[in-house]
Amino acid sequence: MYPESEILFPSRVISMLEDLRGDEWQQLVDKVKKLPETHVDSLAFSLMMINIGGCLTCDLDSYRASLGCATCAKRTIGSFKGTDKVLKKQFEDARKEVGAYSKSNDIGLARQAKKA
């Protein structure tokens, strides 16, 4: 129905968010966009966006779904009232949550980017 919409925030959208805020945000996005989607930081970024954007309440009949994930994520970050520091803190909290979940469920996740 909406080919640009997915069930949850897709990691392919991360790079599209880089220029929407200040330096701290740009540095975070620049770091995470280079990682594989199974990396703990990429998963944490997606979890942060799911929480901020309300992805769990989005469904195919919603206006947000009709916009597509990229547009919705851009609007979410562009209209976020907190500072980049607040966003970075939310990312760090999401990273802890992903790490705790992977540890408690014995799921091995990449923690460092592979060196070329």
N, C-alpha and C. Protein backbone atom coordinates (compact mmCIF):
# COMPACT_ATOMS: atom_id res chain seq x y z
N MET A 1 0.82 -1.18 0.00
CA MET A 1 0.00 0.00 0.00
C MET A 1 0.87 1.26 0.00
N TYR A 2 1.78 1.36 0.98
CA TYR A 2 2.72 2.47 1.05
C TYR A 2 4.13 1.89 0.94
N PRO A 3 4.71 1.89 -0.26
CA PRO A 3 6.00 1.22 -0.48
C PRO A 3 7.18 1.80 0.31
N GLU A 4 7.07 3.03 0.79
CA GLU A 4 8.17 3.65 1.53
C GLU A 4 8.02 3.50 3.04
N SER A 5 7.03 2.74 3.47
CA SER A 5 6.79 2.55 4.90
C SER A 5 7.16 1.14 5.31
N GLU A 6 7.71 1.04 6.49
CA GLU A 6 8.06 -0.25 7.05
C GLU A 6 7.40 -0.34 8.42
N ILE A 7 7.53 -1.47 9.07
CA ILE A 7 6.87 -1.64 10.35
C ILE A 7 7.53 -0.79 11.44
N LEU A 8 8.84 -0.77 11.46
CA LEU A 8 9.61 0.00 12.43
C LEU A 8 10.67 0.82 11.70
N PHE A 9 11.24 1.78 12.40
CA PHE A 9 12.26 2.65 11.80
C PHE A 9 13.36 1.84 11.12
N PRO A 10 13.55 2.04 9.83
CA PRO A 10 14.59 1.29 9.09
C PRO A 10 15.94 1.99 9.15
N SER A 11 16.99 1.22 9.31
CA SER A 11 18.33 1.80 9.41
C SER A 11 18.75 2.50 8.12
N ARG A 12 18.14 2.17 7.00
CA ARG A 12 18.50 2.83 5.73
C ARG A 12 18.20 4.33 5.76
N VAL A 13 17.37 4.77 6.70
CA VAL A 13 16.97 6.18 6.79
C VAL A 13 17.96 7.01 7.62
N ILE A 14 18.82 6.35 8.38
CA ILE A 14 19.73 7.06 9.29
C ILE A 14 20.51 8.17 8.57
N SER A 15 21.10 7.86 7.45
CA SER A 15 21.94 8.85 6.75
C SER A 15 21.14 10.06 6.28
N MET A 16 19.84 9.92 6.10
CA MET A 16 18.99 11.03 5.65
C MET A 16 18.74 12.07 6.74
N LEU A 17 19.12 11.75 7.97
CA LEU A 17 18.83 12.62 9.11
C LEU A 17 20.01 13.49 9.52
N GLU A 18 21.13 13.33 8.86
CA GLU A 18 22.39 13.94 9.30
C GLU A 18 22.36 15.46 9.37
N ASP A 19 21.81 16.11 8.39
CA ASP A 19 21.90 17.57 8.31
C ASP A 19 20.74 18.32 8.96
N LEU A 20 19.98 17.63 9.80
CA LEU A 20 18.78 18.24 10.36
C LEU A 20 19.01 18.97 11.68
N ARG A 21 20.18 18.78 12.29
CA ARG A 21 20.44 19.39 13.60
C ARG A 21 21.90 19.84 13.66
N GLY A 22 22.37 20.10 14.87
CA GLY A 22 23.72 20.64 15.07
C GLY A 22 24.84 19.61 15.00
N ASP A 23 26.02 20.06 15.41
CA ASP A 23 27.24 19.27 15.29
C ASP A 23 27.18 17.93 16.03
N GLU A 24 26.71 17.95 17.28
CA GLU A 24 26.65 16.70 18.06
C GLU A 24 25.81 15.66 17.35
N TRP A 25 24.66 16.09 16.85
CA TRP A 25 23.76 15.19 16.13
C TRP A 25 24.43 14.69 14.85
N GLN A 26 25.05 15.58 14.12
CA GLN A 26 25.70 15.21 12.86
C GLN A 26 26.82 14.20 13.10
N GLN A 27 27.57 14.38 14.16
CA GLN A 27 28.64 13.43 14.49
C GLN A 27 28.07 12.06 14.83
N LEU A 28 26.97 12.03 15.59
CA LEU A 28 26.34 10.77 15.94
C LEU A 28 25.84 10.05 14.69
N VAL A 29 25.13 10.76 13.83
CA VAL A 29 24.61 10.15 12.61
C VAL A 29 25.74 9.69 11.71
N ASP A 30 26.78 10.50 11.58
CA ASP A 30 27.92 10.14 10.74
C ASP A 30 28.56 8.84 11.22
N LYS A 31 28.67 8.67 12.54
CA LYS A 31 29.25 7.45 13.09
C LYS A 31 28.34 6.24 12.83
N VAL A 32 27.06 6.40 13.10
CA VAL A 32 26.13 5.26 13.05
C VAL A 32 25.80 4.86 11.61
N LYS A 33 25.74 5.80 10.70
CA LYS A 33 25.34 5.48 9.32
C LYS A 33 26.33 4.55 8.62
N LYS A 34 27.56 4.49 9.11
CA LYS A 34 28.59 3.65 8.49
C LYS A 34 28.58 2.21 9.00
N LEU A 35 27.80 1.97 10.04
CA LEU A 35 27.80 0.65 10.69
C LEU A 35 26.79 -0.29 10.05
N PRO A 36 27.03 -1.60 10.15
CA PRO A 36 26.03 -2.55 9.66
C PRO A 36 24.77 -2.45 10.53
N GLU A 37 23.63 -2.79 9.98
CA GLU A 37 22.37 -2.65 10.72
C GLU A 37 22.28 -3.56 11.93
N THR A 38 23.14 -4.56 12.03
CA THR A 38 23.14 -5.45 13.19
C THR A 38 24.10 -5.00 14.29
N HIS A 39 24.78 -3.89 14.08
CA HIS A 39 25.69 -3.35 15.09
C HIS A 39 24.87 -2.78 16.24
N VAL A 40 25.37 -2.92 17.44
CA VAL A 40 24.65 -2.45 18.63
C VAL A 40 24.30 -0.96 18.52
N ASP A 41 25.17 -0.14 17.96
CA ASP A 41 24.88 1.28 17.85
C ASP A 41 23.81 1.56 16.80
N SER A 42 23.80 0.81 15.73
CA SER A 42 22.75 0.97 14.72
C SER A 42 21.40 0.55 15.28
N LEU A 43 21.38 -0.55 16.01
CA LEU A 43 20.14 -1.00 16.65
C LEU A 43 19.68 0.01 17.70
N ALA A 44 20.61 0.56 18.44
CA ALA A 44 20.28 1.56 19.46
C ALA A 44 19.70 2.82 18.81
N PHE A 45 20.28 3.23 17.70
CA PHE A 45 19.77 4.41 17.00
C PHE A 45 18.35 4.15 16.53
N SER A 46 18.12 2.98 15.97
CA SER A 46 16.77 2.63 15.52
C SER A 46 15.79 2.60 16.68
N LEU A 47 16.20 2.02 17.81
CA LEU A 47 15.34 1.99 18.99
C LEU A 47 15.03 3.41 19.46
N MET A 48 16.01 4.28 19.47
CA MET A 48 15.79 5.67 19.86
C MET A 48 14.75 6.31 18.94
N MET A 49 14.89 6.11 17.64
CA MET A 49 13.96 6.69 16.69
C MET A 49 12.56 6.09 16.82
N ILE A 50 12.48 4.80 17.11
CA ILE A 50 11.19 4.15 17.33
C ILE A 50 10.49 4.79 18.52
N ASN A 51 11.25 5.04 19.58
CA ASN A 51 10.68 5.65 20.78
C ASN A 51 10.27 7.10 20.54
N ILE A 52 11.14 7.89 19.93
CA ILE A 52 10.85 9.31 19.70
C ILE A 52 9.71 9.48 18.69
N GLY A 53 9.76 8.69 17.64
CA GLY A 53 8.78 8.85 16.55
C GLY A 53 7.46 8.15 16.77
N GLY A 54 7.38 7.33 17.81
CA GLY A 54 6.14 6.62 18.07
C GLY A 54 5.81 5.55 17.04
N CYS A 55 6.83 4.89 16.53
CA CYS A 55 6.63 3.87 15.49
C CYS A 55 5.69 2.75 15.93
N LEU A 56 5.67 2.45 17.22
CA LEU A 56 4.82 1.35 17.69
C LEU A 56 3.34 1.65 17.57
N THR A 57 2.99 2.93 17.42
CA THR A 57 1.58 3.29 17.26
C THR A 57 1.22 3.60 15.81
N CYS A 58 2.16 3.45 14.91
CA CYS A 58 1.91 3.70 13.49
C CYS A 58 1.31 2.44 12.86
N ASP A 59 0.31 2.64 12.01
CA ASP A 59 -0.23 1.51 11.25
C ASP A 59 -0.50 1.96 9.82
N LEU A 60 -0.78 1.03 8.96
CA LEU A 60 -0.92 1.35 7.54
C LEU A 60 -2.06 2.31 7.22
N ASP A 61 -2.99 2.47 8.14
CA ASP A 61 -4.09 3.41 7.92
C ASP A 61 -3.77 4.82 8.40
N SER A 62 -2.59 5.02 8.96
CA SER A 62 -2.26 6.31 9.56
C SER A 62 -1.65 7.27 8.53
N TYR A 63 -1.76 8.54 8.86
CA TYR A 63 -1.14 9.59 8.05
C TYR A 63 0.36 9.41 8.00
N ARG A 64 0.96 9.07 9.14
CA ARG A 64 2.42 8.88 9.19
C ARG A 64 2.87 7.81 8.21
N ALA A 65 2.13 6.70 8.15
CA ALA A 65 2.50 5.63 7.23
C ALA A 65 2.41 6.10 5.78
N SER A 66 1.42 6.95 5.50
CA SER A 66 1.27 7.44 4.12
C SER A 66 2.44 8.34 3.72
N LEU A 67 3.07 8.99 4.71
CA LEU A 67 4.24 9.83 4.43
C LEU A 67 5.47 9.00 4.10
N GLY A 68 5.58 7.85 4.73
CA GLY A 68 6.76 7.01 4.60
C GLY A 68 7.71 7.25 5.76
N CYS A 69 8.53 6.28 6.04
CA CYS A 69 9.43 6.33 7.20
C CYS A 69 10.45 7.46 7.11
N ALA A 70 10.99 7.70 5.94
CA ALA A 70 12.01 8.74 5.80
C ALA A 70 11.43 10.11 6.13
N THR A 71 10.29 10.43 5.57
CA THR A 71 9.67 11.73 5.83
C THR A 71 9.25 11.84 7.28
N CYS A 72 8.68 10.79 7.83
CA CYS A 72 8.26 10.80 9.23
C CYS A 72 9.47 11.02 10.15
N ALA A 73 10.57 10.32 9.89
CA ALA A 73 11.77 10.46 10.72
C ALA A 73 12.35 11.87 10.61
N LYS A 74 12.36 12.44 9.40
CA LYS A 74 12.86 13.81 9.22
C LYS A 74 12.00 14.79 10.00
N ARG A 75 10.70 14.61 9.95
CA ARG A 75 9.80 15.49 10.70
C ARG A 75 10.02 15.32 12.20
N THR A 76 10.19 14.08 12.62
CA THR A 76 10.38 13.80 14.05
C THR A 76 11.63 14.50 14.57
N ILE A 77 12.74 14.35 13.88
CA ILE A 77 13.99 14.96 14.32
C ILE A 77 13.95 16.48 14.14
N GLY A 78 13.40 16.93 13.04
CA GLY A 78 13.31 18.37 12.79
C GLY A 78 12.46 19.11 13.81
N SER A 79 11.45 18.45 14.34
CA SER A 79 10.56 19.11 15.29
C SER A 79 10.86 18.76 16.74
N PHE A 80 11.91 17.97 16.97
CA PHE A 80 12.26 17.59 18.33
C PHE A 80 12.64 18.84 19.12
N LYS A 81 11.99 19.02 20.28
CA LYS A 81 12.18 20.25 21.06
C LYS A 81 13.44 20.25 21.93
N GLY A 82 13.98 19.09 22.22
CA GLY A 82 15.18 19.02 23.05
C GLY A 82 16.43 19.37 22.27
N THR A 83 17.53 19.43 22.98
CA THR A 83 18.83 19.73 22.37
C THR A 83 19.45 18.46 21.78
N ASP A 84 20.53 18.66 21.05
CA ASP A 84 21.30 17.52 20.53
C ASP A 84 21.83 16.68 21.69
N LYS A 85 22.17 17.33 22.78
CA LYS A 85 22.66 16.63 23.97
C LYS A 85 21.57 15.68 24.51
N VAL A 86 20.33 16.12 24.49
CA VAL A 86 19.22 15.27 24.94
C VAL A 86 19.06 14.08 24.00
N LEU A 87 19.17 14.33 22.70
CA LEU A 87 19.08 13.23 21.74
C LEU A 87 20.22 12.24 21.94
N LYS A 88 21.40 12.74 22.18
CA LYS A 88 22.55 11.85 22.41
C LYS A 88 22.34 11.02 23.67
N LYS A 89 21.76 11.62 24.70
CA LYS A 89 21.45 10.88 25.94
C LYS A 89 20.41 9.80 25.65
N GLN A 90 19.42 10.10 24.84
CA GLN A 90 18.42 9.09 24.49
C GLN A 90 19.07 7.95 23.70
N PHE A 91 20.04 8.29 22.85
CA PHE A 91 20.78 7.26 22.12
C PHE A 91 21.56 6.38 23.10
N GLU A 92 22.24 7.00 24.05
CA GLU A 92 23.02 6.24 25.04
C GLU A 92 22.11 5.33 25.87
N ASP A 93 20.94 5.83 26.26
CA ASP A 93 19.97 5.01 26.99
C ASP A 93 19.51 3.83 26.15
N ALA A 94 19.26 4.07 24.87
CA ALA A 94 18.84 2.99 23.96
C ALA A 94 19.97 1.98 23.78
N ARG A 95 21.21 2.46 23.72
CA ARG A 95 22.35 1.56 23.60
C ARG A 95 22.44 0.63 24.82
N LYS A 96 22.23 1.19 26.00
CA LYS A 96 22.24 0.37 27.22
C LYS A 96 21.12 -0.67 27.17
N GLU A 97 19.96 -0.26 26.71
CA GLU A 97 18.82 -1.18 26.62
C GLU A 97 19.08 -2.31 25.63
N VAL A 98 19.62 -1.98 24.48
CA VAL A 98 19.95 -3.01 23.48
C VAL A 98 21.03 -3.94 24.02
N GLY A 99 22.05 -3.37 24.66
CA GLY A 99 23.12 -4.19 25.24
C GLY A 99 22.61 -5.13 26.31
N ALA A 100 21.75 -4.62 27.19
CA ALA A 100 21.20 -5.45 28.26
C ALA A 100 20.33 -6.57 27.69
N TYR A 101 19.54 -6.24 26.68
CA TYR A 101 18.68 -7.26 26.06
C TYR A 101 19.52 -8.33 25.38
N SER A 102 20.53 -7.92 24.64
CA SER A 102 21.36 -8.90 23.93
C SER A 102 22.12 -9.78 24.92
N LYS A 103 22.55 -9.19 26.02
CA LYS A 103 23.28 -9.97 27.03
C LYS A 103 22.35 -10.96 27.74
N SER A 104 21.17 -10.49 28.13
CA SER A 104 20.25 -11.36 28.86
C SER A 104 19.66 -12.46 27.98
N ASN A 105 19.68 -12.26 26.68
CA ASN A 105 19.16 -13.27 25.75
C ASN A 105 20.25 -13.97 24.97
N ASP A 106 21.51 -13.78 25.40
CA ASP A 106 22.67 -14.42 24.79
C ASP A 106 22.72 -14.22 23.28
N ILE A 107 22.55 -12.96 22.89
CA ILE A 107 22.61 -12.58 21.47
C ILE A 107 23.91 -11.83 21.26
N GLY A 108 24.74 -12.34 20.38
CA GLY A 108 26.01 -11.66 20.09
C GLY A 108 25.80 -10.58 19.06
N LEU A 109 26.14 -9.35 19.41
CA LEU A 109 26.03 -8.22 18.47
C LEU A 109 27.41 -7.63 18.26
N ALA A 110 27.61 -7.10 17.08
CA ALA A 110 28.86 -6.40 16.79
C ALA A 110 28.94 -5.16 17.65
N ARG A 111 30.11 -4.91 18.22
CA ARG A 111 30.28 -3.74 19.08
C ARG A 111 31.29 -2.77 18.51
N GLN A 112 32.05 -3.20 17.54
CA GLN A 112 33.01 -2.30 16.90
C GLN A 112 32.87 -2.44 15.40
N ALA A 113 33.11 -1.36 14.72
CA ALA A 113 33.08 -1.41 13.26
C ALA A 113 34.28 -2.19 12.76
N LYS A 114 34.11 -2.95 11.71
CA LYS A 114 35.22 -3.69 11.12
C LYS A 114 36.18 -2.71 10.48
N LYS A 115 37.45 -2.95 10.64
CA LYS A 115 38.45 -2.08 10.06
C LYS A 115 38.73 -2.51 8.63
N ALA A 116 38.80 -1.52 7.77
CA ALA A 116 39.03 -1.82 6.35
C ALA A 116 40.48 -2.10 6.07
